[in-house]
Amino acid sequence: TTRPPALWMLGTPTKKQTRKGRFTIAAKHHITIAEIYEAELVDIEKAIAHYEQAADYYKGEESNSSANKCLLKVAAYAAQLEQYQKAIEIYEQVGTNTMDNPLLKYSAKEYFFKAALCHFIVDELNAKLALEKYEEMFPAFTDSRECKLLKKLLEAHEEQNSEAYTEAVKEFDSISRLDQWLTTMLLRIKKSIQGEGDGDLK
């Protein structure tokens, strides 16, 4: 298959651009390519690779918030592709980097929540241990609705009670709408409750 015209025009950032330290230009370049792979070509593996490259260039300029935005895209896609370990590492890293920042710490609970969900899909015990670790590192997480939901879900899973699981999710969703990513992950966990087929969360 030939690449679409937009990709031909973009090519890849030249060594000269990078060598001059124009990392931001190179990063934006890779984001544009990633977005084409995302939207038009639906090649998520390639989109991930370009977002990772963009994050590296942003780190070279110490533009950490821009790097984090790219990394969070990588984490979300990695989890969708069942590359949970990769997603966990990114969510934990970004969560740890943002939890001490007064402007960003509100977002940190979301990243730890997502990391815990990825753990949960792989192994319930890992999710419990991760949750304890996040609460210790970031005490504000304990009072969050996300942390309370995780505890209810762990309990429902332990009891193999799919009704309690669904009820906890519905309650959370009635206040904070679940996006497609969260719905997908929560359904994957629910399927591991005995007797659950493709199921539903509503």
Protein backbone atom coordinates (compact mmCIF):
# COMPACT_ATOMS: atom_id res chain seq x y z
CA THR A 1 0.00 0.00 0.00
CA THR A 2 1.26 3.47 -0.82
CA ARG A 3 1.38 6.14 1.80
CA PRO A 4 -1.17 8.96 1.43
CA PRO A 5 0.11 12.27 0.02
CA ALA A 6 0.19 13.91 3.46
CA LEU A 7 2.73 11.36 4.68
CA TRP A 8 4.85 11.75 1.54
CA MET A 9 5.05 15.49 2.12
CA LEU A 10 5.92 15.10 5.78
CA GLY A 11 8.59 12.48 5.40
CA THR A 12 10.62 12.30 8.59
CA PRO A 13 12.36 15.13 10.45
CA THR A 14 15.83 15.77 9.01
CA LYS A 15 18.97 15.22 11.04
CA LYS A 16 19.77 18.90 10.56
CA GLN A 17 16.53 19.95 12.29
CA THR A 18 17.23 17.63 15.20
CA ARG A 19 20.91 18.51 15.44
CA LYS A 20 20.11 22.19 15.72
CA GLY A 21 18.03 21.34 18.79
CA ARG A 22 14.78 22.08 17.06
CA PHE A 23 13.22 19.16 18.89
CA THR A 24 9.82 20.83 19.13
CA ILE A 25 9.49 21.02 15.34
CA ALA A 26 10.50 17.36 15.07
CA ALA A 27 8.02 16.42 17.82
CA LYS A 28 5.12 18.23 16.13
CA HIS A 29 6.07 16.53 12.89
CA HIS A 30 5.75 13.09 14.52
CA ILE A 31 2.42 14.04 16.14
CA THR A 32 1.03 15.02 12.73
CA ILE A 33 2.11 11.66 11.30
CA ALA A 34 0.70 9.84 14.33
CA GLU A 35 -2.66 11.58 13.87
CA ILE A 36 -2.77 10.49 10.23
CA TYR A 37 -2.11 6.89 11.23
CA GLU A 38 -4.79 7.23 13.93
CA ALA A 39 -7.58 8.80 11.95
CA GLU A 40 -7.06 7.90 8.32
CA LEU A 41 -5.05 4.70 8.25
CA VAL A 42 -6.18 3.21 11.56
CA ASP A 43 -2.71 1.75 12.11
CA ILE A 44 -2.44 2.06 15.86
CA GLU A 45 0.98 0.38 16.15
CA LYS A 46 2.48 3.04 13.85
CA ALA A 47 0.62 5.83 15.65
CA ILE A 48 2.12 4.58 18.95
CA ALA A 49 5.64 4.61 17.48
CA HIS A 50 5.29 8.22 16.30
CA TYR A 51 3.79 9.42 19.59
CA GLU A 52 6.73 7.78 21.40
CA GLN A 53 9.18 9.51 19.09
CA ALA A 54 7.43 12.85 19.66
CA ALA A 55 7.60 12.31 23.44
CA ASP A 56 11.37 11.70 23.17
CA TYR A 57 11.87 14.93 21.24
CA TYR A 58 9.78 16.90 23.74
CA LYS A 59 11.87 15.45 26.58
CA GLY A 60 14.93 16.71 24.72
CA GLU A 61 13.48 20.22 25.03
CA GLU A 62 12.38 19.52 28.62
CA SER A 63 8.78 20.15 27.52
CA ASN A 64 7.48 17.64 30.02
CA SER A 65 3.78 18.41 29.79
CA SER A 66 3.87 18.00 25.99
CA ALA A 67 5.85 14.77 26.38
CA ASN A 68 3.29 13.51 28.91
CA LYS A 69 0.40 14.22 26.51
CA CYS A 70 2.08 12.03 23.88
CA LEU A 71 2.89 9.31 26.41
CA LEU A 72 -0.72 9.21 27.64
CA LYS A 73 -1.83 8.58 24.05
CA VAL A 74 0.69 5.73 23.88
CA ALA A 75 -0.58 4.27 27.18
CA ALA A 76 -4.23 4.38 26.11
CA TYR A 77 -3.50 2.64 22.82
CA ALA A 78 -1.11 0.12 24.40
CA ALA A 79 -3.86 -0.94 26.84
CA GLN A 80 -6.34 -1.30 23.97
CA LEU A 81 -3.82 -3.58 22.24
CA GLU A 82 -3.49 -5.56 25.51
CA GLN A 83 0.07 -4.33 26.08
CA TYR A 84 -0.83 -3.74 29.72
CA GLN A 85 2.67 -3.62 31.19
CA LYS A 86 3.65 -0.81 28.85
CA ALA A 87 0.48 1.12 29.71
CA ILE A 88 1.00 0.61 33.47
CA GLU A 89 4.57 1.91 33.33
CA ILE A 90 3.49 5.08 31.52
CA TYR A 91 0.45 5.78 33.73
CA GLU A 92 2.56 5.27 36.87
CA GLN A 93 5.36 7.43 35.54
CA VAL A 94 3.06 10.30 34.52
CA GLY A 95 1.04 9.96 37.74
CA THR A 96 4.22 10.17 39.84
CA ASN A 97 5.46 13.17 37.84
CA THR A 98 2.20 15.08 38.26
CA MET A 99 1.13 14.25 41.83
CA ASP A 100 3.43 16.88 43.41
CA ASN A 101 2.40 19.61 41.02
CA PRO A 102 -0.41 21.73 42.54
CA LEU A 103 -1.87 22.41 39.09
CA LEU A 104 -1.73 18.82 37.87
CA LYS A 105 -2.22 16.67 40.94
CA TYR A 106 -5.96 16.45 40.27
CA SER A 107 -5.11 14.49 37.10
CA ALA A 108 -2.73 12.13 38.94
CA LYS A 109 -5.63 10.19 40.47
CA GLU A 110 -6.93 9.46 36.96
CA TYR A 111 -3.54 8.06 35.89
CA PHE A 112 -3.24 5.84 38.98
CA PHE A 113 -6.84 4.70 38.42
CA LYS A 114 -6.03 3.70 34.84
CA ALA A 115 -2.82 1.96 35.89
CA ALA A 116 -4.76 -0.02 38.52
CA LEU A 117 -7.39 -1.06 35.94
CA CYS A 118 -4.63 -2.37 33.66
CA HIS A 119 -3.18 -4.32 36.61
CA PHE A 120 -6.66 -5.65 37.40
CA ILE A 121 -7.16 -7.06 33.90
CA VAL A 122 -3.90 -9.00 34.23
CA ASP A 123 -4.12 -10.08 37.84
CA GLU A 124 -6.39 -9.19 40.77
CA LEU A 125 -3.65 -9.50 43.39
CA ASN A 126 -1.39 -7.16 41.42
CA ALA A 127 -4.23 -4.63 41.35
CA LYS A 128 -4.61 -4.81 45.14
CA LEU A 129 -0.89 -4.33 45.71
CA ALA A 130 -0.76 -1.48 43.19
CA LEU A 131 -3.69 0.22 44.89
CA GLU A 132 -1.93 0.06 48.27
CA LYS A 133 1.22 1.48 46.68
CA TYR A 134 -0.67 4.38 45.03
CA GLU A 135 -2.46 5.26 48.29
CA GLU A 136 0.86 5.30 50.13
CA MET A 137 2.58 7.44 47.49
CA PHE A 138 -0.36 9.76 46.96
CA PRO A 139 -2.62 9.94 50.05
CA ALA A 140 -5.12 12.21 48.23
CA PHE A 141 -5.95 9.19 46.06
CA THR A 142 -7.61 7.38 48.97
CA ASP A 143 -10.56 9.79 49.15
CA SER A 144 -11.09 9.87 45.41
CA ARG A 145 -14.15 8.32 43.78
CA GLU A 146 -11.79 6.37 41.54
CA CYS A 147 -10.07 4.67 44.49
CA LYS A 148 -13.41 3.88 46.14
CA LEU A 149 -14.69 2.36 42.89
CA LEU A 150 -11.57 0.19 42.57
CA LYS A 151 -12.08 -1.16 46.09
CA LYS A 152 -15.72 -2.02 45.34
CA LEU A 153 -14.73 -3.71 42.07
CA LEU A 154 -12.00 -5.74 43.77
CA GLU A 155 -14.47 -6.88 46.41
CA ALA A 156 -17.10 -7.81 43.79
CA HIS A 157 -14.48 -9.67 41.77
CA GLU A 158 -13.27 -11.56 44.83
CA GLU A 159 -16.84 -12.63 45.57
CA GLN A 160 -17.42 -13.34 41.85
CA ASN A 161 -20.47 -11.11 42.13
CA SER A 162 -21.14 -9.60 38.69
CA GLU A 163 -24.25 -7.75 39.91
CA ALA A 164 -22.30 -5.90 42.59
CA TYR A 165 -19.62 -5.13 39.99
CA THR A 166 -22.15 -3.66 37.54
CA GLU A 167 -23.89 -1.71 40.31
CA ALA A 168 -20.61 -0.07 41.41
CA VAL A 169 -19.82 0.91 37.82
CA LYS A 170 -23.32 2.32 37.24
CA GLU A 171 -23.12 4.39 40.41
CA PHE A 172 -19.74 5.84 39.34
CA ASP A 173 -21.00 6.47 35.78
CA SER A 174 -24.04 8.40 37.04
CA ILE A 175 -21.70 11.09 38.42
CA SER A 176 -18.61 10.82 36.18
CA ARG A 177 -19.48 9.62 32.69
CA LEU A 178 -17.34 6.72 31.58
CA ASP A 179 -15.54 7.22 28.30
CA GLN A 180 -15.06 4.47 25.71
CA TRP A 181 -11.60 3.50 27.02
CA LEU A 182 -12.77 3.05 30.62
CA THR A 183 -15.86 1.14 29.47
CA THR A 184 -13.68 -1.22 27.43
CA MET A 185 -11.30 -1.89 30.33
CA LEU A 186 -14.10 -2.35 32.88
CA LEU A 187 -15.81 -4.84 30.56
CA ARG A 188 -12.57 -6.79 30.14
CA ILE A 189 -12.34 -7.12 33.92
CA LYS A 190 -16.00 -8.06 34.21
CA LYS A 191 -15.52 -10.91 31.74
CA SER A 192 -13.13 -12.54 34.22
CA ILE A 193 -16.00 -12.95 36.71
CA GLN A 194 -17.22 -16.52 36.38
CA GLY A 195 -20.11 -17.07 34.05
CA GLU A 196 -19.84 -13.63 32.45
CA GLY A 197 -19.99 -13.72 28.69
CA ASP A 198 -19.66 -10.56 26.63
CA GLY A 199 -21.87 -8.90 29.23
CA ASP A 200 -22.76 -5.28 29.67
CA LEU A 201 -22.07 -2.63 32.28
CA LYS A 202 -25.46 -0.99 32.22
